[in-house]
N, C-alpha and C. Protein backbone atom coordinates (compact mmCIF):
# COMPACT_ATOMS: atom_id res chain seq x y z
N MET A 1 -97.18 230.12 21.66
CA MET A 1 -97.68 230.28 20.33
C MET A 1 -98.29 228.97 19.86
N GLU A 2 -99.45 229.05 19.24
CA GLU A 2 -100.15 227.86 18.75
C GLU A 2 -99.56 227.42 17.42
N LYS A 3 -99.40 226.12 17.24
CA LYS A 3 -98.89 225.57 15.99
C LYS A 3 -99.93 225.71 14.89
N LYS A 4 -99.45 225.86 13.66
CA LYS A 4 -100.34 225.95 12.52
C LYS A 4 -101.05 224.62 12.33
N LYS A 5 -102.35 224.70 12.04
CA LYS A 5 -103.15 223.49 11.82
C LYS A 5 -103.42 223.31 10.34
N TYR A 6 -103.41 222.06 9.92
CA TYR A 6 -103.67 221.68 8.54
C TYR A 6 -104.82 220.68 8.51
N ASN A 7 -105.43 220.55 7.34
CA ASN A 7 -106.47 219.55 7.14
C ASN A 7 -105.85 218.36 6.42
N TYR A 8 -105.90 217.20 7.04
CA TYR A 8 -105.34 215.98 6.45
C TYR A 8 -106.38 214.88 6.57
N HIS A 9 -106.93 214.45 5.45
CA HIS A 9 -107.98 213.42 5.42
C HIS A 9 -109.18 213.81 6.29
N GLY A 10 -109.53 215.08 6.29
CA GLY A 10 -110.67 215.55 7.06
C GLY A 10 -110.42 215.75 8.54
N HIS A 11 -109.16 215.66 8.96
CA HIS A 11 -108.80 215.85 10.36
C HIS A 11 -107.90 217.07 10.49
N LYS A 12 -108.02 217.77 11.60
CA LYS A 12 -107.11 218.86 11.91
C LYS A 12 -105.84 218.26 12.49
N VAL A 13 -104.70 218.63 11.91
CA VAL A 13 -103.42 218.09 12.35
C VAL A 13 -102.40 219.20 12.47
N THR A 14 -101.35 218.94 13.22
CA THR A 14 -100.18 219.81 13.25
C THR A 14 -98.98 218.99 12.78
N LEU A 15 -97.95 219.67 12.33
CA LEU A 15 -96.74 219.00 11.85
C LEU A 15 -95.61 219.14 12.85
N LYS A 16 -94.76 218.15 12.85
CA LYS A 16 -93.59 218.19 13.73
C LYS A 16 -92.42 217.56 12.99
N LYS A 17 -91.29 218.26 13.01
CA LYS A 17 -90.07 217.68 12.47
C LYS A 17 -89.35 216.97 13.61
N SER A 18 -88.88 215.77 13.31
CA SER A 18 -88.11 215.00 14.27
C SER A 18 -86.95 214.39 13.49
N GLU A 19 -86.27 213.44 14.10
CA GLU A 19 -85.17 212.79 13.39
C GLU A 19 -85.15 211.30 13.72
N TYR A 20 -84.64 210.54 12.76
CA TYR A 20 -84.48 209.11 12.98
C TYR A 20 -83.25 208.89 13.87
N SER A 21 -83.39 208.05 14.87
CA SER A 21 -82.34 207.89 15.87
C SER A 21 -81.07 207.24 15.32
N ASN A 22 -81.18 206.42 14.27
CA ASN A 22 -79.99 205.72 13.80
C ASN A 22 -79.11 206.55 12.88
N ASN A 23 -79.66 207.65 12.28
CA ASN A 23 -78.83 208.43 11.37
C ASN A 23 -79.08 209.94 11.44
N GLY A 24 -80.00 210.39 12.26
CA GLY A 24 -80.24 211.81 12.45
C GLY A 24 -80.92 212.52 11.31
N THR A 25 -81.43 211.77 10.34
CA THR A 25 -82.10 212.40 9.20
C THR A 25 -83.55 212.74 9.54
N LEU A 26 -84.13 213.58 8.70
CA LEU A 26 -85.46 214.13 8.94
C LEU A 26 -86.56 213.06 8.98
N ALA A 27 -87.37 213.15 10.01
CA ALA A 27 -88.61 212.38 10.12
C ALA A 27 -89.73 213.42 10.27
N LEU A 28 -90.73 213.35 9.41
CA LEU A 28 -91.84 214.31 9.46
C LEU A 28 -93.06 213.59 10.02
N LEU A 29 -93.63 214.15 11.08
CA LEU A 29 -94.79 213.55 11.74
C LEU A 29 -95.97 214.51 11.71
N ILE A 30 -97.16 213.94 11.68
CA ILE A 30 -98.36 214.73 11.90
C ILE A 30 -98.95 214.28 13.23
N THR A 31 -99.55 215.22 13.92
CA THR A 31 -100.22 214.92 15.18
C THR A 31 -101.69 215.28 15.03
N TYR A 32 -102.54 214.29 15.26
CA TYR A 32 -103.99 214.50 15.22
C TYR A 32 -104.44 215.19 16.50
N GLU A 33 -105.65 215.73 16.47
CA GLU A 33 -106.17 216.44 17.65
C GLU A 33 -106.27 215.54 18.87
N ASN A 34 -106.41 214.21 18.66
CA ASN A 34 -106.48 213.30 19.80
C ASN A 34 -105.10 212.95 20.36
N GLY A 35 -104.04 213.56 19.78
CA GLY A 35 -102.68 213.34 20.26
C GLY A 35 -101.93 212.22 19.57
N GLU A 36 -102.59 211.49 18.69
CA GLU A 36 -101.96 210.38 17.98
C GLU A 36 -101.03 210.91 16.89
N ASP A 37 -99.82 210.35 16.82
CA ASP A 37 -98.84 210.74 15.80
C ASP A 37 -98.83 209.73 14.66
N GLU A 38 -98.50 210.24 13.47
CA GLU A 38 -98.31 209.39 12.30
C GLU A 38 -97.09 209.90 11.56
N VAL A 39 -96.20 209.00 11.19
CA VAL A 39 -94.98 209.38 10.47
C VAL A 39 -95.29 209.43 8.98
N LEU A 40 -94.90 210.53 8.33
CA LEU A 40 -95.16 210.72 6.91
C LEU A 40 -93.97 210.39 6.02
N THR A 41 -92.85 210.00 6.65
CA THR A 41 -91.63 209.72 5.90
C THR A 41 -91.17 208.29 6.18
N VAL A 42 -90.23 207.84 5.37
CA VAL A 42 -89.60 206.54 5.60
C VAL A 42 -88.09 206.73 5.68
N ASN A 43 -87.46 205.92 6.49
CA ASN A 43 -86.01 205.98 6.67
C ASN A 43 -85.39 204.87 5.83
N LEU A 44 -84.79 205.26 4.71
CA LEU A 44 -84.20 204.29 3.80
C LEU A 44 -82.68 204.26 3.87
N ASN A 45 -82.09 205.03 4.81
CA ASN A 45 -80.63 205.11 4.95
C ASN A 45 -79.95 205.41 3.61
N HIS A 46 -80.55 206.33 2.88
CA HIS A 46 -80.03 206.74 1.57
C HIS A 46 -79.12 207.95 1.77
N PRO A 47 -78.03 208.07 1.01
CA PRO A 47 -77.11 209.19 1.20
C PRO A 47 -77.73 210.57 0.95
N LEU A 48 -78.84 210.66 0.22
CA LEU A 48 -79.48 211.95 -0.01
C LEU A 48 -80.37 212.40 1.14
N GLN A 49 -80.73 211.48 2.02
CA GLN A 49 -81.51 211.88 3.20
C GLN A 49 -80.67 212.82 4.05
N SER A 50 -81.33 213.82 4.63
CA SER A 50 -80.61 214.79 5.45
C SER A 50 -81.56 215.36 6.49
N ASP A 51 -81.17 216.48 7.09
CA ASP A 51 -82.05 217.13 8.05
C ASP A 51 -83.12 217.97 7.36
N SER A 52 -83.08 218.05 6.02
CA SER A 52 -84.09 218.80 5.28
C SER A 52 -84.68 218.03 4.11
N MET A 53 -84.16 216.84 3.82
CA MET A 53 -84.69 216.03 2.72
C MET A 53 -85.08 214.65 3.24
N ALA A 54 -86.27 214.21 2.82
CA ALA A 54 -86.78 212.92 3.30
C ALA A 54 -87.61 212.25 2.22
N PHE A 55 -87.68 210.93 2.30
CA PHE A 55 -88.53 210.16 1.41
C PHE A 55 -89.92 210.08 2.02
N LEU A 56 -90.93 210.44 1.23
CA LEU A 56 -92.30 210.42 1.71
C LEU A 56 -92.86 209.01 1.67
N ASP A 57 -93.62 208.65 2.69
CA ASP A 57 -94.20 207.31 2.79
C ASP A 57 -95.50 207.24 1.99
N THR A 58 -95.34 207.12 0.67
CA THR A 58 -96.51 207.04 -0.21
C THR A 58 -97.16 205.66 -0.17
N ASN A 59 -96.51 204.70 0.45
CA ASN A 59 -97.12 203.36 0.59
C ASN A 59 -98.23 203.40 1.64
N ASN A 60 -97.96 203.93 2.80
CA ASN A 60 -98.96 204.00 3.87
C ASN A 60 -99.81 205.26 3.82
N ASN A 61 -99.34 206.28 3.09
CA ASN A 61 -100.04 207.57 2.98
C ASN A 61 -100.06 207.99 1.51
N PRO A 62 -100.91 207.37 0.69
CA PRO A 62 -100.90 207.66 -0.75
C PRO A 62 -101.12 209.13 -1.11
N GLN A 63 -101.75 209.91 -0.25
CA GLN A 63 -102.03 211.31 -0.54
C GLN A 63 -101.00 212.27 0.04
N VAL A 64 -99.91 211.76 0.60
CA VAL A 64 -98.95 212.62 1.29
C VAL A 64 -98.28 213.61 0.34
N GLU A 65 -97.99 213.22 -0.89
CA GLU A 65 -97.37 214.16 -1.83
C GLU A 65 -98.30 215.33 -2.12
N LYS A 66 -99.56 215.03 -2.35
CA LYS A 66 -100.56 216.07 -2.60
C LYS A 66 -100.66 217.02 -1.40
N PHE A 67 -100.68 216.47 -0.20
CA PHE A 67 -100.74 217.27 1.02
C PHE A 67 -99.54 218.20 1.13
N ILE A 68 -98.34 217.68 0.91
CA ILE A 68 -97.12 218.48 1.00
C ILE A 68 -97.13 219.61 -0.02
N ARG A 69 -97.51 219.28 -1.26
CA ARG A 69 -97.52 220.30 -2.32
C ARG A 69 -98.60 221.35 -2.10
N GLN A 70 -99.81 220.93 -1.77
CA GLN A 70 -100.92 221.87 -1.60
C GLN A 70 -100.67 222.86 -0.46
N ASN A 71 -99.96 222.42 0.55
CA ASN A 71 -99.70 223.28 1.70
C ASN A 71 -98.33 223.96 1.63
N HIS A 72 -97.66 223.83 0.49
CA HIS A 72 -96.36 224.48 0.27
C HIS A 72 -95.36 224.14 1.37
N LEU A 73 -95.33 222.84 1.71
CA LEU A 73 -94.45 222.37 2.79
C LEU A 73 -93.14 221.79 2.27
N GLY A 74 -93.05 221.57 0.97
CA GLY A 74 -91.84 220.99 0.41
C GLY A 74 -91.88 220.95 -1.10
N LEU A 75 -90.76 220.56 -1.67
CA LEU A 75 -90.62 220.44 -3.12
C LEU A 75 -90.05 219.08 -3.48
N PRO A 76 -90.55 218.48 -4.59
CA PRO A 76 -90.01 217.20 -5.02
C PRO A 76 -88.60 217.37 -5.58
N MET A 77 -87.77 216.40 -5.32
CA MET A 77 -86.39 216.40 -5.83
C MET A 77 -86.29 215.53 -7.08
N TYR A 78 -87.38 214.90 -7.48
CA TYR A 78 -87.45 214.05 -8.68
C TYR A 78 -86.46 212.89 -8.61
N VAL A 79 -86.32 212.37 -7.40
CA VAL A 79 -85.53 211.18 -7.12
C VAL A 79 -86.44 210.22 -6.37
N THR A 80 -86.41 208.95 -6.74
CA THR A 80 -87.17 207.95 -5.98
C THR A 80 -86.20 206.86 -5.54
N GLN A 81 -86.60 206.18 -4.48
CA GLN A 81 -85.83 205.05 -3.98
C GLN A 81 -86.78 203.89 -3.77
N GLN A 82 -86.43 202.76 -4.31
CA GLN A 82 -87.26 201.58 -4.17
C GLN A 82 -86.89 200.82 -2.92
N SER A 83 -87.92 200.34 -2.23
CA SER A 83 -87.76 199.46 -1.09
C SER A 83 -88.89 198.45 -1.18
N GLY A 84 -88.55 197.20 -1.34
CA GLY A 84 -89.58 196.19 -1.55
C GLY A 84 -90.28 196.46 -2.87
N PHE A 85 -91.61 196.51 -2.83
CA PHE A 85 -92.40 196.75 -4.04
C PHE A 85 -92.75 198.23 -4.21
N CYS A 86 -92.27 199.09 -3.33
CA CYS A 86 -92.67 200.50 -3.33
C CYS A 86 -91.51 201.40 -3.74
N LYS A 87 -91.88 202.49 -4.42
CA LYS A 87 -90.92 203.55 -4.74
C LYS A 87 -91.33 204.78 -3.96
N TYR A 88 -90.38 205.37 -3.26
CA TYR A 88 -90.64 206.51 -2.40
C TYR A 88 -89.99 207.76 -2.98
N PRO A 89 -90.75 208.87 -3.11
CA PRO A 89 -90.20 210.10 -3.66
C PRO A 89 -89.44 210.91 -2.59
N LEU A 90 -88.33 211.51 -3.02
CA LEU A 90 -87.55 212.36 -2.13
C LEU A 90 -88.05 213.80 -2.24
N TYR A 91 -88.25 214.44 -1.09
CA TYR A 91 -88.71 215.83 -1.03
C TYR A 91 -87.79 216.64 -0.13
N THR A 92 -87.61 217.90 -0.50
CA THR A 92 -87.03 218.87 0.41
C THR A 92 -88.20 219.42 1.22
N ILE A 93 -88.09 219.38 2.54
CA ILE A 93 -89.16 219.83 3.42
C ILE A 93 -88.74 221.17 4.03
N PHE A 94 -89.62 222.15 3.97
CA PHE A 94 -89.33 223.49 4.50
C PHE A 94 -89.55 223.55 5.99
């Protein structure tokens, strides 16, 4: 079965759920047609992170929230976590 394709910054991509090796929480990746992966989440070792909730990497991917919402891939939890100068929003990912 072929994976569903999405448009991300004008590129066709597929999504893949993975996990961070140090805590088993959700890592969301996109794969471009050329095979290159990009991680859309950040691992902040926060107690709310789980296998279905992750902080979106809005620092390196400013449009990631819009992408998640437009494609009905997740819902905001209205919680943010600061790391350095950035605040990352927590989302439940479907």
